[in-house]
Amino acid sequence: MNLWVIIIGMAIVTYIPRMVPLVFFDPKKLPQPVQATLKNVPYAALGALIFPGILVATDQMWMAITAGIVAGVFAYFGSSLLIVVIASIVTVLLLTLI
């Protein structure tokens, strides 16, 4: 019983922040600067989730930072996600062998 209460409570708490903007705000009525800011939120959240993981991905932080830079360069030039991941893995592998 207690587990079901936790699951239902977590579902409600997750649902409310997603439902409120859809019910109370019309995206066409938001000011242009607010719309531009909201478009960048997913990228900021993704960066905040990924960056700490990069720093602890290897025993040597400088290897992790180097691989993160390589991944950033590949991503900047439009490589696919698979290529970005492979490039960063190969970078760590090469640095480990050196």
PDB file of N, CA and C in Angstrom:
ATOM      1  N   MET A   1       0.830  -1.206   0.000  1.00  0.00           N
ATOM      2  CA  MET A   1       0.000   0.000   0.000  1.00  0.00           C
ATOM      3  C   MET A   1       0.861   1.252   0.000  1.00  0.00           C
ATOM      4  N   ASN A   2       1.892   1.272   0.856  1.00  0.00           N
ATOM      5  CA  ASN A   2       2.758   2.430   0.961  1.00  0.00           C
ATOM      6  C   ASN A   2       3.477   2.719  -0.364  1.00  0.00           C
ATOM      7  N   LEU A   3       3.865   1.654  -1.073  1.00  0.00           N
ATOM      8  CA  LEU A   3       4.541   1.817  -2.358  1.00  0.00           C
ATOM      9  C   LEU A   3       3.625   2.477  -3.377  1.00  0.00           C
ATOM     10  N   TRP A   4       2.354   2.101  -3.375  1.00  0.00           N
ATOM     11  CA  TRP A   4       1.409   2.707  -4.311  1.00  0.00           C
ATOM     12  C   TRP A   4       1.191   4.190  -4.015  1.00  0.00           C
ATOM     13  N   VAL A   5       1.171   4.552  -2.764  1.00  0.00           N
ATOM     14  CA  VAL A   5       1.022   5.961  -2.392  1.00  0.00           C
ATOM     15  C   VAL A   5       2.223   6.757  -2.913  1.00  0.00           C
ATOM     16  N   ILE A   6       3.414   6.200  -2.774  1.00  0.00           N
ATOM     17  CA  ILE A   6       4.624   6.874  -3.267  1.00  0.00           C
ATOM     18  C   ILE A   6       4.574   7.014  -4.780  1.00  0.00           C
ATOM     19  N   ILE A   7       4.193   5.952  -5.492  1.00  0.00           N
ATOM     20  CA  ILE A   7       4.130   5.998  -6.952  1.00  0.00           C
ATOM     21  C   ILE A   7       3.099   7.014  -7.426  1.00  0.00           C
ATOM     22  N   ILE A   8       1.936   7.017  -6.834  1.00  0.00           N
ATOM     23  CA  ILE A   8       0.894   7.975  -7.223  1.00  0.00           C
ATOM     24  C   ILE A   8       1.322   9.401  -6.885  1.00  0.00           C
ATOM     25  N   GLY A   9       1.928   9.587  -5.727  1.00  0.00           N
ATOM     26  CA  GLY A   9       2.413  10.921  -5.359  1.00  0.00           C
ATOM     27  C   GLY A   9       3.475  11.427  -6.311  1.00  0.00           C
ATOM     28  N   MET A  10       4.392  10.557  -6.700  1.00  0.00           N
ATOM     29  CA  MET A  10       5.437  10.964  -7.641  1.00  0.00           C
ATOM     30  C   MET A  10       4.849  11.277  -9.014  1.00  0.00           C
ATOM     31  N   ALA A  11       3.837  10.525  -9.422  1.00  0.00           N
ATOM     32  CA  ALA A  11       3.183  10.792 -10.705  1.00  0.00           C
ATOM     33  C   ALA A  11       2.492  12.154 -10.688  1.00  0.00           C
ATOM     34  N   ILE A  12       1.832  12.478  -9.602  1.00  0.00           N
ATOM     35  CA  ILE A  12       1.157  13.777  -9.489  1.00  0.00           C
ATOM     36  C   ILE A  12       2.170  14.914  -9.493  1.00  0.00           C
ATOM     37  N   VAL A  13       3.233  14.758  -8.707  1.00  0.00           N
ATOM     38  CA  VAL A  13       4.244  15.807  -8.626  1.00  0.00           C
ATOM     39  C   VAL A  13       4.933  16.002  -9.978  1.00  0.00           C
ATOM     40  N   THR A  14       5.101  14.946 -10.749  1.00  0.00           N
ATOM     41  CA  THR A  14       5.708  15.061 -12.072  1.00  0.00           C
ATOM     42  C   THR A  14       4.736  15.656 -13.079  1.00  0.00           C
ATOM     43  N   TYR A  15       3.478  15.307 -12.960  1.00  0.00           N
ATOM     44  CA  TYR A  15       2.469  15.744 -13.927  1.00  0.00           C
ATOM     45  C   TYR A  15       2.138  17.228 -13.795  1.00  0.00           C
ATOM     46  N   ILE A  16       2.069  17.739 -12.587  1.00  0.00           N
ATOM     47  CA  ILE A  16       1.636  19.127 -12.364  1.00  0.00           C
ATOM     48  C   ILE A  16       2.521  20.141 -13.104  1.00  0.00           C
ATOM     49  N   PRO A  17       3.858  20.094 -12.993  1.00  0.00           N
ATOM     50  CA  PRO A  17       4.652  21.096 -13.715  1.00  0.00           C
ATOM     51  C   PRO A  17       4.531  20.988 -15.232  1.00  0.00           C
ATOM     52  N   ARG A  18       4.165  19.839 -15.727  1.00  0.00           N
ATOM     53  CA  ARG A  18       3.985  19.694 -17.172  1.00  0.00           C
ATOM     54  C   ARG A  18       2.603  20.163 -17.620  1.00  0.00           C
ATOM     55  N   MET A  19       1.628  20.028 -16.761  1.00  0.00           N
ATOM     56  CA  MET A  19       0.269  20.372 -17.109  1.00  0.00           C
ATOM     57  C   MET A  19      -0.016  21.868 -16.972  1.00  0.00           C
ATOM     58  N   VAL A  20       0.544  22.500 -15.971  1.00  0.00           N
ATOM     59  CA  VAL A  20       0.237  23.905 -15.682  1.00  0.00           C
ATOM     60  C   VAL A  20       0.535  24.828 -16.872  1.00  0.00           C
ATOM     61  N   PRO A  21       1.716  24.749 -17.500  1.00  0.00           N
ATOM     62  CA  PRO A  21       1.943  25.646 -18.646  1.00  0.00           C
ATOM     63  C   PRO A  21       0.985  25.397 -19.801  1.00  0.00           C
ATOM     64  N   LEU A  22       0.595  24.153 -20.025  1.00  0.00           N
ATOM     65  CA  LEU A  22      -0.317  23.865 -21.124  1.00  0.00           C
ATOM     66  C   LEU A  22      -1.712  24.408 -20.870  1.00  0.00           C
ATOM     67  N   VAL A  23      -2.126  24.436 -19.623  1.00  0.00           N
ATOM     68  CA  VAL A  23      -3.470  24.883 -19.298  1.00  0.00           C
ATOM     69  C   VAL A  23      -3.548  26.403 -19.187  1.00  0.00           C
ATOM     70  N   PHE A  24      -2.538  27.029 -18.568  1.00  0.00           N
ATOM     71  CA  PHE A  24      -2.651  28.447 -18.243  1.00  0.00           C
ATOM     72  C   PHE A  24      -1.933  29.391 -19.206  1.00  0.00           C
ATOM     73  N   PHE A  25      -1.056  28.869 -20.066  1.00  0.00           N
ATOM     74  CA  PHE A  25      -0.307  29.755 -20.956  1.00  0.00           C
ATOM     75  C   PHE A  25      -0.521  29.366 -22.403  1.00  0.00           C
ATOM     76  N   ASP A  26      -0.715  30.372 -23.238  1.00  0.00           N
ATOM     77  CA  ASP A  26      -0.766  30.164 -24.678  1.00  0.00           C
ATOM     78  C   ASP A  26       0.607  30.558 -25.228  1.00  0.00           C
ATOM     79  N   PRO A  27       1.327  29.631 -25.857  1.00  0.00           N
ATOM     80  CA  PRO A  27       2.685  29.946 -26.294  1.00  0.00           C
ATOM     81  C   PRO A  27       2.754  31.103 -27.284  1.00  0.00           C
ATOM     82  N   LYS A  28       1.680  31.353 -28.000  1.00  0.00           N
ATOM     83  CA  LYS A  28       1.687  32.460 -28.960  1.00  0.00           C
ATOM     84  C   LYS A  28       1.565  33.820 -28.276  1.00  0.00           C
ATOM     85  N   LYS A  29       1.129  33.840 -26.996  1.00  0.00           N
ATOM     86  CA  LYS A  29       0.979  35.095 -26.270  1.00  0.00           C
ATOM     87  C   LYS A  29       2.202  35.438 -25.437  1.00  0.00           C
ATOM     88  N   LEU A  30       3.148  34.518 -25.303  1.00  0.00           N
ATOM     89  CA  LEU A  30       4.355  34.817 -24.534  1.00  0.00           C
ATOM     90  C   LEU A  30       5.229  35.796 -25.310  1.00  0.00           C
ATOM     91  N   PRO A  31       5.889  36.712 -24.608  1.00  0.00           N
ATOM     92  CA  PRO A  31       6.783  37.641 -25.294  1.00  0.00           C
ATOM     93  C   PRO A  31       7.915  36.891 -25.997  1.00  0.00           C
ATOM     94  N   GLN A  32       8.415  37.465 -27.077  1.00  0.00           N
ATOM     95  CA  GLN A  32       9.467  36.827 -27.876  1.00  0.00           C
ATOM     96  C   GLN A  32      10.719  36.489 -27.061  1.00  0.00           C
ATOM     97  N   PRO A  33      11.209  37.372 -26.172  1.00  0.00           N
ATOM     98  CA  PRO A  33      12.394  36.996 -25.379  1.00  0.00           C
ATOM     99  C   PRO A  33      12.150  35.778 -24.482  1.00  0.00           C
ATOM    100  N   VAL A  34      10.934  35.657 -23.948  1.00  0.00           N
ATOM    101  CA  VAL A  34      10.612  34.500 -23.105  1.00  0.00           C
ATOM    102  C   VAL A  34      10.590  33.231 -23.950  1.00  0.00           C
ATOM    103  N   GLN A  35      10.009  33.302 -25.147  1.00  0.00           N
ATOM    104  CA  GLN A  35       9.990  32.145 -26.037  1.00  0.00           C
ATOM    105  C   GLN A  35      11.409  31.723 -26.414  1.00  0.00           C
ATOM    106  N   ALA A  36      12.269  32.697 -26.704  1.00  0.00           N
ATOM    107  CA  ALA A  36      13.658  32.389 -27.072  1.00  0.00           C
ATOM    108  C   ALA A  36      14.391  31.731 -25.906  1.00  0.00           C
ATOM    109  N   THR A  37      14.151  32.208 -24.699  1.00  0.00           N
ATOM    110  CA  THR A  37      14.787  31.625 -23.517  1.00  0.00           C
ATOM    111  C   THR A  37      14.298  30.201 -23.293  1.00  0.00           C
ATOM    112  N   LEU A  38      13.003  29.976 -23.424  1.00  0.00           N
ATOM    113  CA  LEU A  38      12.450  28.650 -23.195  1.00  0.00           C
ATOM    114  C   LEU A  38      12.941  27.631 -24.222  1.00  0.00           C
ATOM    115  N   LYS A  39      13.269  28.089 -25.424  1.00  0.00           N
ATOM    116  CA  LYS A  39      13.792  27.168 -26.436  1.00  0.00           C
ATOM    117  C   LYS A  39      15.178  26.652 -26.057  1.00  0.00           C
ATOM    118  N   ASN A  40      15.920  27.414 -25.251  1.00  0.00           N
ATOM    119  CA  ASN A  40      17.268  27.002 -24.856  1.00  0.00           C
ATOM    120  C   ASN A  40      17.302  26.184 -23.570  1.00  0.00           C
ATOM    121  N   VAL A  41      16.200  26.074 -22.869  1.00  0.00           N
ATOM    122  CA  VAL A  41      16.173  25.334 -21.603  1.00  0.00           C
ATOM    123  C   VAL A  41      16.573  23.870 -21.772  1.00  0.00           C
ATOM    124  N   PRO A  42      16.096  23.149 -22.795  1.00  0.00           N
ATOM    125  CA  PRO A  42      16.522  21.743 -22.911  1.00  0.00           C
ATOM    126  C   PRO A  42      18.038  21.597 -23.070  1.00  0.00           C
ATOM    127  N   TYR A  43      18.668  22.489 -23.800  1.00  0.00           N
ATOM    128  CA  TYR A  43      20.116  22.414 -23.979  1.00  0.00           C
ATOM    129  C   TYR A  43      20.844  22.683 -22.668  1.00  0.00           C
ATOM    130  N   ALA A  44      20.362  23.652 -21.915  1.00  0.00           N
ATOM    131  CA  ALA A  44      20.987  23.964 -20.625  1.00  0.00           C
ATOM    132  C   ALA A  44      20.828  22.805 -19.648  1.00  0.00           C
ATOM    133  N   ALA A  45      19.652  22.216 -19.622  1.00  0.00           N
ATOM    134  CA  ALA A  45      19.417  21.078 -18.719  1.00  0.00           C
ATOM    135  C   ALA A  45      20.278  19.890 -19.125  1.00  0.00           C
ATOM    136  N   LEU A  46      20.385  19.637 -20.416  1.00  0.00           N
ATOM    137  CA  LEU A  46      21.201  18.533 -20.889  1.00  0.00           C
ATOM    138  C   LEU A  46      22.665  18.756 -20.530  1.00  0.00           C
ATOM    139  N   GLY A  47      23.143  19.971 -20.693  1.00  0.00           N
ATOM    140  CA  GLY A  47      24.523  20.286 -20.318  1.00  0.00           C
ATOM    141  C   GLY A  47      24.762  20.115 -18.830  1.00  0.00           C
ATOM    142  N   ALA A  48      23.798  20.519 -18.029  1.00  0.00           N
ATOM    143  CA  ALA A  48      23.938  20.381 -16.576  1.00  0.00           C
ATOM    144  C   ALA A  48      23.937  18.919 -16.147  1.00  0.00           C
ATOM    145  N   LEU A  49      23.280  18.072 -16.902  1.00  0.00           N
ATOM    146  CA  LEU A  49      23.263  16.650 -16.570  1.00  0.00           C
ATOM    147  C   LEU A  49      24.514  15.932 -17.074  1.00  0.00           C
ATOM    148  N   ILE A  50      25.012  16.325 -18.226  1.00  0.00           N
ATOM    149  CA  ILE A  50      26.129  15.613 -18.849  1.00  0.00           C
ATOM    150  C   ILE A  50      27.479  16.050 -18.309  1.00  0.00           C
ATOM    151  N   PHE A  51      27.690  17.330 -18.079  1.00  0.00           N
ATOM    152  CA  PHE A  51      29.018  17.834 -17.721  1.00  0.00           C
ATOM    153  C   PHE A  51      29.598  17.179 -16.464  1.00  0.00           C
ATOM    154  N   PRO A  52      28.858  17.047 -15.363  1.00  0.00           N
ATOM    155  CA  PRO A  52      29.449  16.377 -14.186  1.00  0.00           C
ATOM    156  C   PRO A  52      29.826  14.922 -14.473  1.00  0.00           C
ATOM    157  N   GLY A  53      29.053  14.262 -15.315  1.00  0.00           N
ATOM    158  CA  GLY A  53      29.367  12.885 -15.674  1.00  0.00           C
ATOM    159  C   GLY A  53      30.649  12.776 -16.478  1.00  0.00           C
ATOM    160  N   ILE A  54      30.916  13.779 -17.301  1.00  0.00           N
ATOM    161  CA  ILE A  54      32.157  13.783 -18.084  1.00  0.00           C
ATOM    162  C   ILE A  54      33.363  13.859 -17.154  1.00  0.00           C
ATOM    163  N   LEU A  55      33.268  14.676 -16.128  1.00  0.00           N
ATOM    164  CA  LEU A  55      34.413  14.887 -15.245  1.00  0.00           C
ATOM    165  C   LEU A  55      34.802  13.648 -14.450  1.00  0.00           C
ATOM    166  N   VAL A  56      33.877  12.762 -14.212  1.00  0.00           N
ATOM    167  CA  VAL A  56      34.185  11.567 -13.427  1.00  0.00           C
ATOM    168  C   VAL A  56      34.157  10.295 -14.273  1.00  0.00           C
ATOM    169  N   ALA A  57      34.185  10.440 -15.596  1.00  0.00           N
ATOM    170  CA  ALA A  57      34.089   9.277 -16.484  1.00  0.00           C
ATOM    171  C   ALA A  57      35.344   8.424 -16.452  1.00  0.00           C
ATOM    172  N   THR A  58      36.489   9.027 -16.168  1.00  0.00           N
ATOM    173  CA  THR A  58      37.744   8.281 -16.109  1.00  0.00           C
ATOM    174  C   THR A  58      38.446   8.588 -14.791  1.00  0.00           C
ATOM    175  N   ASP A  59      39.510   7.841 -14.519  1.00  0.00           N
ATOM    176  CA  ASP A  59      40.283   8.096 -13.304  1.00  0.00           C
ATOM    177  C   ASP A  59      41.061   9.397 -13.406  1.00  0.00           C
ATOM    178  N   GLN A  60      41.419   9.765 -14.620  1.00  0.00           N
ATOM    179  CA  GLN A  60      42.186  10.996 -14.859  1.00  0.00           C
ATOM    180  C   GLN A  60      41.242  12.075 -15.387  1.00  0.00           C
ATOM    181  N   MET A  61      41.082  13.150 -14.625  1.00  0.00           N
ATOM    182  CA  MET A  61      40.151  14.197 -15.034  1.00  0.00           C
ATOM    183  C   MET A  61      40.586  14.871 -16.337  1.00  0.00           C
ATOM    184  N   TRP A  62      41.883  15.012 -16.567  1.00  0.00           N
ATOM    185  CA  TRP A  62      42.340  15.679 -17.794  1.00  0.00           C
ATOM    186  C   TRP A  62      41.958  14.869 -19.030  1.00  0.00           C
ATOM    187  N   MET A  63      41.919  13.537 -18.898  1.00  0.00           N
ATOM    188  CA  MET A  63      41.466  12.703 -20.025  1.00  0.00           C
ATOM    189  C   MET A  63      39.987  12.949 -20.304  1.00  0.00           C
ATOM    190  N   ALA A  64      39.207  13.028 -19.242  1.00  0.00           N
ATOM    191  CA  ALA A  64      37.773  13.252 -19.391  1.00  0.00           C
ATOM    192  C   ALA A  64      37.496  14.621 -20.006  1.00  0.00           C
ATOM    193  N   ILE A  65      38.230  15.623 -19.570  1.00  0.00           N
ATOM    194  CA  ILE A  65      38.036  16.971 -20.129  1.00  0.00           C
ATOM    195  C   ILE A  65      38.440  16.992 -21.594  1.00  0.00           C
ATOM    196  N   THR A  66      39.556  16.340 -21.933  1.00  0.00           N
ATOM    197  CA  THR A  66      40.000  16.285 -23.328  1.00  0.00           C
ATOM    198  C   THR A  66      38.953  15.585 -24.191  1.00  0.00           C
ATOM    199  N   ALA A  67      38.423  14.460 -23.720  1.00  0.00           N
ATOM    200  CA  ALA A  67      37.387  13.753 -24.476  1.00  0.00           C
ATOM    201  C   ALA A  67      36.123  14.603 -24.600  1.00  0.00           C
ATOM    202  N   GLY A  68      35.784  15.358 -23.564  1.00  0.00           N
ATOM    203  CA  GLY A  68      34.634  16.252 -23.632  1.00  0.00           C
ATOM    204  C   GLY A  68      34.830  17.353 -24.660  1.00  0.00           C
ATOM    205  N   ILE A  69      36.050  17.870 -24.743  1.00  0.00           N
ATOM    206  CA  ILE A  69      36.353  18.904 -25.746  1.00  0.00           C
ATOM    207  C   ILE A  69      36.245  18.320 -27.149  1.00  0.00           C
ATOM    208  N   VAL A  70      36.811  17.119 -27.330  1.00  0.00           N
ATOM    209  CA  VAL A  70      36.725  16.463 -28.641  1.00  0.00           C
ATOM    210  C   VAL A  70      35.254  16.236 -29.013  1.00  0.00           C
ATOM    211  N   ALA A  71      34.458  15.766 -28.067  1.00  0.00           N
ATOM    212  CA  ALA A  71      33.034  15.549 -28.333  1.00  0.00           C
ATOM    213  C   ALA A  71      32.342  16.865 -28.679  1.00  0.00           C
ATOM    214  N   GLY A  72      32.706  17.932 -27.972  1.00  0.00           N
ATOM    215  CA  GLY A  72      32.120  19.238 -28.271  1.00  0.00           C
ATOM    216  C   GLY A  72      32.467  19.734 -29.657  1.00  0.00           C
ATOM    217  N   VAL A  73      33.704  19.508 -30.074  1.00  0.00           N
ATOM    218  CA  VAL A  73      34.132  19.928 -31.416  1.00  0.00           C
ATOM    219  C   VAL A  73      33.366  19.141 -32.479  1.00  0.00           C
ATOM    220  N   PHE A  74      33.281  17.825 -32.295  1.00  0.00           N
ATOM    221  CA  PHE A  74      32.542  17.015 -33.266  1.00  0.00           C
ATOM    222  C   PHE A  74      31.072  17.427 -33.312  1.00  0.00           C
ATOM    223  N   ALA A  75      30.478  17.674 -32.161  1.00  0.00           N
ATOM    224  CA  ALA A  75      29.069  18.085 -32.118  1.00  0.00           C
ATOM    225  C   ALA A  75      28.877  19.456 -32.757  1.00  0.00           C
ATOM    226  N   TYR A  76      29.826  20.353 -32.544  1.00  0.00           N
ATOM    227  CA  TYR A  76      29.723  21.702 -33.114  1.00  0.00           C
ATOM    228  C   TYR A  76      29.690  21.650 -34.635  1.00  0.00           C
ATOM    229  N   PHE A  77      30.474  20.734 -35.208  1.00  0.00           N
ATOM    230  CA  PHE A  77      30.525  20.646 -36.662  1.00  0.00           C
ATOM    231  C   PHE A  77      29.437  19.748 -37.247  1.00  0.00           C
ATOM    232  N   GLY A  78      28.479  19.353 -36.417  1.00  0.00           N
ATOM    233  CA  GLY A  78      27.280  18.688 -36.916  1.00  0.00           C
ATOM    234  C   GLY A  78      27.357  17.181 -37.042  1.00  0.00           C
ATOM    235  N   SER A  79      28.320  16.546 -36.377  1.00  0.00           N
ATOM    236  CA  SER A  79      28.387  15.087 -36.432  1.00  0.00           C
ATOM    237  C   SER A  79      27.198  14.482 -35.697  1.00  0.00           C
ATOM    238  N   SER A  80      26.862  13.271 -36.081  1.00  0.00           N
ATOM    239  CA  SER A  80      25.747  12.591 -35.416  1.00  0.00           C
ATOM    240  C   SER A  80      26.158  12.209 -33.999  1.00  0.00           C
ATOM    241  N   LEU A  81      25.172  11.896 -33.189  1.00  0.00           N
ATOM    242  CA  LEU A  81      25.429  11.541 -31.797  1.00  0.00           C
ATOM    243  C   LEU A  81      26.347  10.329 -31.699  1.00  0.00           C
ATOM    244  N   LEU A  82      26.147   9.365 -32.575  1.00  0.00           N
ATOM    245  CA  LEU A  82      26.979   8.163 -32.560  1.00  0.00           C
ATOM    246  C   LEU A  82      28.442   8.505 -32.827  1.00  0.00           C
ATOM    247  N   ILE A  83      28.692   9.371 -33.780  1.00  0.00           N
ATOM    248  CA  ILE A  83      30.062   9.772 -34.111  1.00  0.00           C
ATOM    249  C   ILE A  83      30.680  10.544 -32.949  1.00  0.00           C
ATOM    250  N   VAL A  84      29.917  11.399 -32.315  1.00  0.00           N
ATOM    251  CA  VAL A  84      30.417  12.176 -31.173  1.00  0.00           C
ATOM    252  C   VAL A  84      30.830  11.243 -30.039  1.00  0.00           C
ATOM    253  N   VAL A  85      29.994  10.271 -29.746  1.00  0.00           N
ATOM    254  CA  VAL A  85      30.296   9.328 -28.663  1.00  0.00           C
ATOM    255  C   VAL A  85      31.513   8.487 -29.021  1.00  0.00           C
ATOM    256  N   ILE A  86      31.570   7.981 -30.239  1.00  0.00           N
ATOM    257  CA  ILE A  86      32.713   7.166 -30.658  1.00  0.00           C
ATOM    258  C   ILE A  86      33.999   7.982 -30.617  1.00  0.00           C
ATOM    259  N   ALA A  87      33.951   9.232 -31.054  1.00  0.00           N
ATOM    260  CA  ALA A  87      35.148  10.081 -31.032  1.00  0.00           C
ATOM    261  C   ALA A  87      35.650  10.294 -29.615  1.00  0.00           C
ATOM    262  N   SER A  88      34.751  10.506 -28.675  1.00  0.00           N
ATOM    263  CA  SER A  88      35.192  10.711 -27.293  1.00  0.00           C
ATOM    264  C   SER A  88      35.734   9.417 -26.685  1.00  0.00           C
ATOM    265  N   ILE A  89      35.136   8.288 -27.023  1.00  0.00           N
ATOM    266  CA  ILE A  89      35.643   7.011 -26.517  1.00  0.00           C
ATOM    267  C   ILE A  89      37.021   6.716 -27.090  1.00  0.00           C
ATOM    268  N   VAL A  90      37.200   6.947 -28.373  1.00  0.00           N
ATOM    269  CA  VAL A  90      38.505   6.728 -29.004  1.00  0.00           C
ATOM    270  C   VAL A  90      39.541   7.664 -28.408  1.00  0.00           C
ATOM    271  N   THR A  91      39.148   8.883 -28.101  1.00  0.00           N
ATOM    272  CA  THR A  91      40.077   9.827 -27.487  1.00  0.00           C
ATOM    273  C   THR A  91      40.580   9.304 -26.137  1.00  0.00           C
ATOM    274  N   VAL A  92      39.667   8.828 -25.302  1.00  0.00           N
ATOM    275  CA  VAL A  92      40.063   8.279 -24.003  1.00  0.00           C
ATOM    276  C   VAL A  92      40.941   7.040 -24.196  1.00  0.00           C
ATOM    277  N   LEU A  93      40.578   6.207 -25.158  1.00  0.00           N
ATOM    278  CA  LEU A  93      41.374   5.010 -25.423  1.00  0.00           C
ATOM    279  C   LEU A  93      42.795   5.375 -25.839  1.00  0.00           C
ATOM    280  N   LEU A  94      42.929   6.319 -26.759  1.00  0.00           N
ATOM    281  CA  LEU A  94      44.261   6.734 -27.200  1.00  0.00           C
ATOM    282  C   LEU A  94      45.067   7.380 -26.077  1.00  0.00           C
ATOM    283  N   LEU A  95      44.415   8.191 -25.278  1.00  0.00           N
ATOM    284  CA  LEU A  95      45.118   8.817 -24.163  1.00  0.00           C
ATOM    285  C   LEU A  95      45.537   7.793 -23.117  1.00  0.00           C
ATOM    286  N   THR A  96      44.749   6.749 -22.955  1.00  0.00           N
ATOM    287  CA  THR A  96      45.107   5.686 -22.023  1.00  0.00           C
ATOM    288  C   THR A  96      46.324   4.898 -22.520  1.00  0.00           C
ATOM    289  N   LEU A  97      46.400   4.712 -23.814  1.00  0.00           N
ATOM    290  CA  LEU A  97      47.523   3.957 -24.381  1.00  0.00           C
ATOM    291  C   LEU A  97      48.815   4.749 -24.396  1.00  0.00           C
ATOM    292  N   ILE A  98      48.719   6.051 -24.357  1.00  0.00           N
ATOM    293  CA  ILE A  98      49.932   6.900 -24.384  1.00  0.00           C
ATOM    294  C   ILE A  98      50.632   6.871 -23.039  1.00  0.00           C
TER     295      ILE A  98
END
